[in-house]
PDB file of N, CA and C in Angstrom:
ATOM      1  N   MET A   1       0.781  11.092 -11.669  1.00  0.00           N
ATOM      2  CA  MET A   1       0.732  10.022 -10.686  1.00  0.00           C
ATOM      3  C   MET A   1      -0.576  10.143  -9.898  1.00  0.00           C
ATOM      4  N   LYS A   2      -1.294   9.033  -9.730  1.00  0.00           N
ATOM      5  CA  LYS A   2      -2.531   9.056  -8.970  1.00  0.00           C
ATOM      6  C   LYS A   2      -2.248   9.441  -7.530  1.00  0.00           C
ATOM      7  N   GLN A   3      -3.136  10.302  -6.990  1.00  0.00           N
ATOM      8  CA  GLN A   3      -2.932  10.739  -5.613  1.00  0.00           C
ATOM      9  C   GLN A   3      -3.114   9.619  -4.600  1.00  0.00           C
ATOM     10  N   ASP A   4      -3.872   8.595  -4.953  1.00  0.00           N
ATOM     11  CA  ASP A   4      -4.077   7.515  -4.009  1.00  0.00           C
ATOM     12  C   ASP A   4      -3.108   6.355  -4.226  1.00  0.00           C
ATOM     13  N   SER A   5      -2.094   6.575  -5.053  1.00  0.00           N
ATOM     14  CA  SER A   5      -1.102   5.526  -5.285  1.00  0.00           C
ATOM     15  C   SER A   5      -0.174   5.416  -4.073  1.00  0.00           C
ATOM     16  N   PHE A   6       0.418   4.246  -3.938  1.00  0.00           N
ATOM     17  CA  PHE A   6       1.368   4.016  -2.850  1.00  0.00           C
ATOM     18  C   PHE A   6       2.502   5.034  -2.912  1.00  0.00           C
ATOM     19  N   GLU A   7       3.019   5.257  -4.118  1.00  0.00           N
ATOM     20  CA  GLU A   7       4.153   6.163  -4.283  1.00  0.00           C
ATOM     21  C   GLU A   7       3.797   7.584  -3.851  1.00  0.00           C
ATOM     22  N   HIS A   8       2.604   8.039  -4.211  1.00  0.00           N
ATOM     23  CA  HIS A   8       2.186   9.389  -3.824  1.00  0.00           C
ATOM     24  C   HIS A   8       2.066   9.497  -2.304  1.00  0.00           C
ATOM     25  N   LYS A   9       1.488   8.479  -1.693  1.00  0.00           N
ATOM     26  CA  LYS A   9       1.332   8.490  -0.239  1.00  0.00           C
ATOM     27  C   LYS A   9       2.698   8.548   0.452  1.00  0.00           C
ATOM     28  N   MET A  10       3.665   7.800  -0.045  1.00  0.00           N
ATOM     29  CA  MET A  10       4.992   7.787   0.568  1.00  0.00           C
ATOM     30  C   MET A  10       5.722   9.114   0.350  1.00  0.00           C
ATOM     31  N   GLU A  11       5.540   9.721  -0.819  1.00  0.00           N
ATOM     32  CA  GLU A  11       6.154  11.037  -1.055  1.00  0.00           C
ATOM     33  C   GLU A  11       5.594  12.068  -0.087  1.00  0.00           C
ATOM     34  N   GLU A  12       4.265  12.054   0.086  1.00  0.00           N
ATOM     35  CA  GLU A  12       3.647  13.000   1.013  1.00  0.00           C
ATOM     36  C   GLU A  12       4.111  12.735   2.441  1.00  0.00           C
ATOM     37  N   LEU A  13       4.225  11.469   2.798  1.00  0.00           N
ATOM     38  CA  LEU A  13       4.688  11.110   4.139  1.00  0.00           C
ATOM     39  C   LEU A  13       6.117  11.596   4.369  1.00  0.00           C
ATOM     40  N   GLU A  14       6.979  11.459   3.367  1.00  0.00           N
ATOM     41  CA  GLU A  14       8.360  11.949   3.490  1.00  0.00           C
ATOM     42  C   GLU A  14       8.394  13.460   3.712  1.00  0.00           C
ATOM     43  N   LYS A  15       7.545  14.197   3.007  1.00  0.00           N
ATOM     44  CA  LYS A  15       7.489  15.657   3.177  1.00  0.00           C
ATOM     45  C   LYS A  15       7.027  16.019   4.581  1.00  0.00           C
ATOM     46  N   ILE A  16       6.064  15.258   5.087  1.00  0.00           N
ATOM     47  CA  ILE A  16       5.573  15.510   6.441  1.00  0.00           C
ATOM     48  C   ILE A  16       6.679  15.261   7.462  1.00  0.00           C
ATOM     49  N   VAL A  17       7.409  14.184   7.297  1.00  0.00           N
ATOM     50  CA  VAL A  17       8.506  13.865   8.218  1.00  0.00           C
ATOM     51  C   VAL A  17       9.545  14.983   8.204  1.00  0.00           C
ATOM     52  N   GLU A  18       9.887  15.473   7.012  1.00  0.00           N
ATOM     53  CA  GLU A  18      10.857  16.574   6.915  1.00  0.00           C
ATOM     54  C   GLU A  18      10.368  17.804   7.670  1.00  0.00           C
ATOM     55  N   LYS A  19       9.101  18.156   7.486  1.00  0.00           N
ATOM     56  CA  LYS A  19       8.541  19.326   8.171  1.00  0.00           C
ATOM     57  C   LYS A  19       8.577  19.139   9.680  1.00  0.00           C
ATOM     58  N   LEU A  20       8.214  17.936  10.129  1.00  0.00           N
ATOM     59  CA  LEU A  20       8.209  17.681  11.569  1.00  0.00           C
ATOM     60  C   LEU A  20       9.621  17.694  12.141  1.00  0.00           C
ATOM     61  N   GLU A  21      10.582  17.186  11.388  1.00  0.00           N
ATOM     62  CA  GLU A  21      11.972  17.172  11.858  1.00  0.00           C
ATOM     63  C   GLU A  21      12.561  18.573  11.947  1.00  0.00           C
ATOM     64  N   ASN A  22      12.111  19.475  11.110  1.00  0.00           N
ATOM     65  CA  ASN A  22      12.616  20.850  11.154  1.00  0.00           C
ATOM     66  C   ASN A  22      12.239  21.544  12.453  1.00  0.00           C
ATOM     67  N   GLY A  23      11.094  21.167  13.022  1.00  0.00           N
ATOM     68  CA  GLY A  23      10.706  21.713  14.324  1.00  0.00           C
ATOM     69  C   GLY A  23      10.245  23.150  14.311  1.00  0.00           C
ATOM     70  N   ASN A  24       9.944  23.711  13.161  1.00  0.00           N
ATOM     71  CA  ASN A  24       9.528  25.117  13.065  1.00  0.00           C
ATOM     72  C   ASN A  24       8.019  25.273  13.027  1.00  0.00           C
ATOM     73  N   LEU A  25       7.282  24.313  13.551  1.00  0.00           N
ATOM     74  CA  LEU A  25       5.831  24.327  13.493  1.00  0.00           C
ATOM     75  C   LEU A  25       5.248  24.515  14.881  1.00  0.00           C
ATOM     76  N   SER A  26       4.037  25.032  14.910  1.00  0.00           N
ATOM     77  CA  SER A  26       3.330  25.119  16.182  1.00  0.00           C
ATOM     78  C   SER A  26       2.904  23.712  16.591  1.00  0.00           C
ATOM     79  N   LEU A  27       2.519  23.570  17.827  1.00  0.00           N
ATOM     80  CA  LEU A  27       2.058  22.282  18.317  1.00  0.00           C
ATOM     81  C   LEU A  27       0.842  21.819  17.526  1.00  0.00           C
ATOM     82  N   ASP A  28      -0.079  22.720  17.259  1.00  0.00           N
ATOM     83  CA  ASP A  28      -1.284  22.378  16.509  1.00  0.00           C
ATOM     84  C   ASP A  28      -0.938  21.900  15.095  1.00  0.00           C
ATOM     85  N   GLU A  29      -0.046  22.620  14.422  1.00  0.00           N
ATOM     86  CA  GLU A  29       0.377  22.225  13.070  1.00  0.00           C
ATOM     87  C   GLU A  29       1.081  20.858  13.105  1.00  0.00           C
ATOM     88  N   SER A  30       1.922  20.668  14.107  1.00  0.00           N
ATOM     89  CA  SER A  30       2.644  19.402  14.239  1.00  0.00           C
ATOM     90  C   SER A  30       1.682  18.242  14.444  1.00  0.00           C
ATOM     91  N   LEU A  31       0.685  18.438  15.280  1.00  0.00           N
ATOM     92  CA  LEU A  31      -0.287  17.380  15.536  1.00  0.00           C
ATOM     93  C   LEU A  31      -1.109  17.054  14.292  1.00  0.00           C
ATOM     94  N   LYS A  32      -1.493  18.077  13.546  1.00  0.00           N
ATOM     95  CA  LYS A  32      -2.251  17.844  12.314  1.00  0.00           C
ATOM     96  C   LYS A  32      -1.410  17.073  11.297  1.00  0.00           C
ATOM     97  N   LEU A  33      -0.145  17.460  11.166  1.00  0.00           N
ATOM     98  CA  LEU A  33       0.735  16.751  10.241  1.00  0.00           C
ATOM     99  C   LEU A  33       0.998  15.325  10.705  1.00  0.00           C
ATOM    100  N   PHE A  34       1.179  15.161  12.014  1.00  0.00           N
ATOM    101  CA  PHE A  34       1.398  13.819  12.553  1.00  0.00           C
ATOM    102  C   PHE A  34       0.187  12.934  12.271  1.00  0.00           C
ATOM    103  N   GLU A  35      -0.995  13.474  12.493  1.00  0.00           N
ATOM    104  CA  GLU A  35      -2.227  12.718  12.238  1.00  0.00           C
ATOM    105  C   GLU A  35      -2.317  12.323  10.763  1.00  0.00           C
ATOM    106  N   ARG A  36      -1.998  13.247   9.878  1.00  0.00           N
ATOM    107  CA  ARG A  36      -2.017  12.946   8.443  1.00  0.00           C
ATOM    108  C   ARG A  36      -0.970  11.873   8.119  1.00  0.00           C
ATOM    109  N   GLY A  37       0.182  11.967   8.726  1.00  0.00           N
ATOM    110  CA  GLY A  37       1.239  10.977   8.513  1.00  0.00           C
ATOM    111  C   GLY A  37       0.826   9.586   8.951  1.00  0.00           C
ATOM    112  N   VAL A  38       0.150   9.495  10.084  1.00  0.00           N
ATOM    113  CA  VAL A  38      -0.327   8.202  10.577  1.00  0.00           C
ATOM    114  C   VAL A  38      -1.322   7.607   9.584  1.00  0.00           C
ATOM    115  N   LYS A  39      -2.219   8.437   9.055  1.00  0.00           N
ATOM    116  CA  LYS A  39      -3.200   7.955   8.076  1.00  0.00           C
ATOM    117  C   LYS A  39      -2.505   7.499   6.796  1.00  0.00           C
ATOM    118  N   LEU A  40      -1.558   8.274   6.319  1.00  0.00           N
ATOM    119  CA  LEU A  40      -0.827   7.890   5.107  1.00  0.00           C
ATOM    120  C   LEU A  40      -0.080   6.574   5.310  1.00  0.00           C
ATOM    121  N   SER A  41       0.516   6.416   6.468  1.00  0.00           N
ATOM    122  CA  SER A  41       1.240   5.187   6.772  1.00  0.00           C
ATOM    123  C   SER A  41       0.289   3.990   6.784  1.00  0.00           C
ATOM    124  N   ALA A  42      -0.866   4.135   7.428  1.00  0.00           N
ATOM    125  CA  ALA A  42      -1.848   3.045   7.477  1.00  0.00           C
ATOM    126  C   ALA A  42      -2.363   2.718   6.081  1.00  0.00           C
ATOM    127  N   ASP A  43      -2.648   3.755   5.297  1.00  0.00           N
ATOM    128  CA  ASP A  43      -3.114   3.537   3.920  1.00  0.00           C
ATOM    129  C   ASP A  43      -2.049   2.825   3.089  1.00  0.00           C
ATOM    130  N   GLY A  44      -0.803   3.229   3.277  1.00  0.00           N
ATOM    131  CA  GLY A  44       0.300   2.596   2.556  1.00  0.00           C
ATOM    132  C   GLY A  44       0.451   1.130   2.927  1.00  0.00           C
ATOM    133  N   MET A  45       0.331   0.832   4.205  1.00  0.00           N
ATOM    134  CA  MET A  45       0.422  -0.562   4.657  1.00  0.00           C
ATOM    135  C   MET A  45      -0.713  -1.397   4.077  1.00  0.00           C
ATOM    136  N   LYS A  46      -1.903  -0.806   4.005  1.00  0.00           N
ATOM    137  CA  LYS A  46      -3.045  -1.522   3.429  1.00  0.00           C
ATOM    138  C   LYS A  46      -2.776  -1.845   1.961  1.00  0.00           C
ATOM    139  N   LEU A  47      -2.246  -0.877   1.227  1.00  0.00           N
ATOM    140  CA  LEU A  47      -1.930  -1.106  -0.188  1.00  0.00           C
ATOM    141  C   LEU A  47      -0.857  -2.188  -0.335  1.00  0.00           C
ATOM    142  N   LEU A  48       0.142  -2.178   0.540  1.00  0.00           N
ATOM    143  CA  LEU A  48       1.178  -3.215   0.499  1.00  0.00           C
ATOM    144  C   LEU A  48       0.589  -4.593   0.794  1.00  0.00           C
ATOM    145  N   ASP A  49      -0.291  -4.659   1.780  1.00  0.00           N
ATOM    146  CA  ASP A  49      -0.934  -5.937   2.112  1.00  0.00           C
ATOM    147  C   ASP A  49      -1.755  -6.458   0.941  1.00  0.00           C
ATOM    148  N   GLU A  50      -2.491  -5.558   0.276  1.00  0.00           N
ATOM    149  CA  GLU A  50      -3.284  -5.950  -0.888  1.00  0.00           C
ATOM    150  C   GLU A  50      -2.380  -6.446  -2.017  1.00  0.00           C
ATOM    151  N   GLY A  51      -1.285  -5.758  -2.223  1.00  0.00           N
ATOM    152  CA  GLY A  51      -0.333  -6.168  -3.255  1.00  0.00           C
ATOM    153  C   GLY A  51       0.271  -7.526  -2.943  1.00  0.00           C
ATOM    154  N   GLU A  52       0.611  -7.749  -1.691  1.00  0.00           N
ATOM    155  CA  GLU A  52       1.181  -9.032  -1.283  1.00  0.00           C
ATOM    156  C   GLU A  52       0.177 -10.167  -1.507  1.00  0.00           C
ATOM    157  N   ALA A  53      -1.088  -9.907  -1.198  1.00  0.00           N
ATOM    158  CA  ALA A  53      -2.119 -10.926  -1.403  1.00  0.00           C
ATOM    159  C   ALA A  53      -2.260 -11.271  -2.885  1.00  0.00           C
ATOM    160  N   LYS A  54      -2.182 -10.261  -3.742  1.00  0.00           N
ATOM    161  CA  LYS A  54      -2.261 -10.502  -5.183  1.00  0.00           C
ATOM    162  C   LYS A  54      -1.079 -11.336  -5.670  1.00  0.00           C
ATOM    163  N   VAL A  55       0.104 -11.025  -5.178  1.00  0.00           N
ATOM    164  CA  VAL A  55       1.297 -11.781  -5.565  1.00  0.00           C
ATOM    165  C   VAL A  55       1.165 -13.232  -5.109  1.00  0.00           C
ATOM    166  N   GLN A  56       0.663 -13.442  -3.909  1.00  0.00           N
ATOM    167  CA  GLN A  56       0.487 -14.808  -3.415  1.00  0.00           C
ATOM    168  C   GLN A  56      -0.512 -15.582  -4.278  1.00  0.00           C
ATOM    169  N   LYS A  57      -1.626 -14.935  -4.656  1.00  0.00           N
ATOM    170  CA  LYS A  57      -2.614 -15.593  -5.517  1.00  0.00           C
ATOM    171  C   LYS A  57      -1.996 -15.958  -6.860  1.00  0.00           C
ATOM    172  N   LEU A  58      -1.258 -15.016  -7.426  1.00  0.00           N
ATOM    173  CA  LEU A  58      -0.624 -15.295  -8.716  1.00  0.00           C
ATOM    174  C   LEU A  58       0.383 -16.425  -8.606  1.00  0.00           C
ATOM    175  N   SER A  59       1.115 -16.455  -7.515  1.00  0.00           N
ATOM    176  CA  SER A  59       2.098 -17.511  -7.302  1.00  0.00           C
ATOM    177  C   SER A  59       1.418 -18.876  -7.203  1.00  0.00           C
ATOM    178  N   ILE A  60       0.310 -18.930  -6.473  1.00  0.00           N
ATOM    179  CA  ILE A  60      -0.441 -20.178  -6.338  1.00  0.00           C
ATOM    180  C   ILE A  60      -0.996 -20.616  -7.687  1.00  0.00           C
ATOM    181  N   LEU A  61      -1.563 -19.668  -8.441  1.00  0.00           N
ATOM    182  CA  LEU A  61      -2.100 -20.001  -9.760  1.00  0.00           C
ATOM    183  C   LEU A  61      -1.012 -20.492 -10.706  1.00  0.00           C
ATOM    184  N   THR A  62       0.127 -19.835 -10.680  1.00  0.00           N
ATOM    185  CA  THR A  62       1.237 -20.223 -11.554  1.00  0.00           C
ATOM    186  C   THR A  62       1.720 -21.630 -11.204  1.00  0.00           C
ATOM    187  N   GLN A  63       1.871 -21.895  -9.924  1.00  0.00           N
ATOM    188  CA  GLN A  63       2.316 -23.225  -9.496  1.00  0.00           C
ATOM    189  C   GLN A  63       1.283 -24.279  -9.877  1.00  0.00           C
ATOM    190  N   ALA A  64       0.009 -23.977  -9.715  1.00  0.00           N
ATOM    191  CA  ALA A  64      -1.046 -24.922 -10.060  1.00  0.00           C
ATOM    192  C   ALA A  64      -1.058 -25.199 -11.564  1.00  0.00           C
ATOM    193  N   GLU A  65      -0.831 -24.161 -12.362  1.00  0.00           N
ATOM    194  CA  GLU A  65      -0.780 -24.349 -13.816  1.00  0.00           C
ATOM    195  C   GLU A  65       0.388 -25.244 -14.203  1.00  0.00           C
ATOM    196  N   ARG A  66       1.514 -25.042 -13.573  1.00  0.00           N
ATOM    197  CA  ARG A  66       2.694 -25.871 -13.853  1.00  0.00           C
ATOM    198  C   ARG A  66       2.450 -27.330 -13.500  1.00  0.00           C
ATOM    199  N   ASN A  67       1.738 -27.540 -12.407  1.00  0.00           N
ATOM    200  CA  ASN A  67       1.476 -28.896 -11.939  1.00  0.00           C
ATOM    201  C   ASN A  67       0.241 -29.508 -12.590  1.00  0.00           C
ATOM    202  N   GLY A  68      -0.501 -28.705 -13.347  1.00  0.00           N
ATOM    203  CA  GLY A  68      -1.728 -29.187 -13.961  1.00  0.00           C
ATOM    204  C   GLY A  68      -2.811 -29.492 -12.955  1.00  0.00           C
ATOM    205  N   THR A  69      -2.776 -28.765 -11.842  1.00  0.00           N
ATOM    206  CA  THR A  69      -3.746 -29.001 -10.771  1.00  0.00           C
ATOM    207  C   THR A  69      -4.536 -27.739 -10.464  1.00  0.00           C
ATOM    208  N   MET A  70      -5.185 -27.197 -11.467  1.00  0.00           N
ATOM    209  CA  MET A  70      -5.922 -25.952 -11.258  1.00  0.00           C
ATOM    210  C   MET A  70      -7.068 -26.139 -10.260  1.00  0.00           C
ATOM    211  N   GLY A  71      -7.728 -27.271 -10.268  1.00  0.00           N
ATOM    212  CA  GLY A  71      -8.735 -27.623  -9.273  1.00  0.00           C
ATOM    213  C   GLY A  71      -9.640 -26.498  -8.819  1.00  0.00           C
ATOM    214  N   GLY A  72     -10.292 -25.801  -9.744  1.00  0.00           N
ATOM    215  CA  GLY A  72     -11.206 -24.720  -9.393  1.00  0.00           C
ATOM    216  C   GLY A  72     -10.551 -23.359  -9.320  1.00  0.00           C
ATOM    217  N   LEU A  73      -9.238 -23.317  -9.341  1.00  0.00           N
ATOM    218  CA  LEU A  73      -8.555 -22.029  -9.269  1.00  0.00           C
ATOM    219  C   LEU A  73      -8.734 -21.224 -10.540  1.00  0.00           C
ATOM    220  N   GLU A  74      -9.079 -21.895 -11.635  1.00  0.00           N
ATOM    221  CA  GLU A  74      -9.228 -21.168 -12.900  1.00  0.00           C
ATOM    222  C   GLU A  74     -10.428 -20.242 -12.881  1.00  0.00           C
ATOM    223  N   ASP A  75     -11.309 -20.384 -11.912  1.00  0.00           N
ATOM    224  CA  ASP A  75     -12.480 -19.529 -11.811  1.00  0.00           C
ATOM    225  C   ASP A  75     -12.157 -18.188 -11.169  1.00  0.00           C
ATOM    226  N   THR A  76     -10.945 -18.020 -10.691  1.00  0.00           N
ATOM    227  CA  THR A  76     -10.537 -16.769 -10.062  1.00  0.00           C
ATOM    228  C   THR A  76     -10.603 -15.658 -11.098  1.00  0.00           C
ATOM    229  N   GLU A  77     -11.285 -14.582 -10.730  1.00  0.00           N
ATOM    230  CA  GLU A  77     -11.452 -13.464 -11.660  1.00  0.00           C
ATOM    231  C   GLU A  77     -10.140 -12.732 -11.858  1.00  0.00           C
ATOM    232  N   GLU A  78      -9.836 -12.428 -13.111  1.00  0.00           N
ATOM    233  CA  GLU A  78      -8.591 -11.742 -13.424  1.00  0.00           C
ATOM    234  C   GLU A  78      -8.572 -10.337 -12.843  1.00  0.00           C
ATOM    235  N   GLU A  79      -9.743  -9.710 -12.663  1.00  0.00           N
ATOM    236  CA  GLU A  79      -9.748  -8.353 -12.139  1.00  0.00           C
ATOM    237  C   GLU A  79      -9.253  -8.299 -10.699  1.00  0.00           C
ATOM    238  N   ASP A  80      -9.187  -9.437 -10.020  1.00  0.00           N
ATOM    239  CA  ASP A  80      -8.616  -9.481  -8.690  1.00  0.00           C
ATOM    240  C   ASP A  80      -7.115  -9.249  -8.703  1.00  0.00           C
ATOM    241  N   PHE A  81      -6.510  -9.385  -9.866  1.00  0.00           N
ATOM    242  CA  PHE A  81      -5.068  -9.255  -9.975  1.00  0.00           C
ATOM    243  C   PHE A  81      -4.781  -7.921 -10.486  1.00  0.00           C
TER     244      PHE A  81
END
């Protein structure tokens, strides 16, 4: 699994939450883990937003194809999806 995948980020975030909930860490360790968790959460949200945008584009393209109204949408690069 790619380390920068959404799934990997969420697995790491879950492990961090478990460690923080156990409460057996120093304040410094807790803060470092919390900071990492915040970054993982933000990265995960960014990936979700990107995925949602791709789904919306595909939905628009599919609807346009059905209606026969591509109107310039056919120029959209497939690598964006």
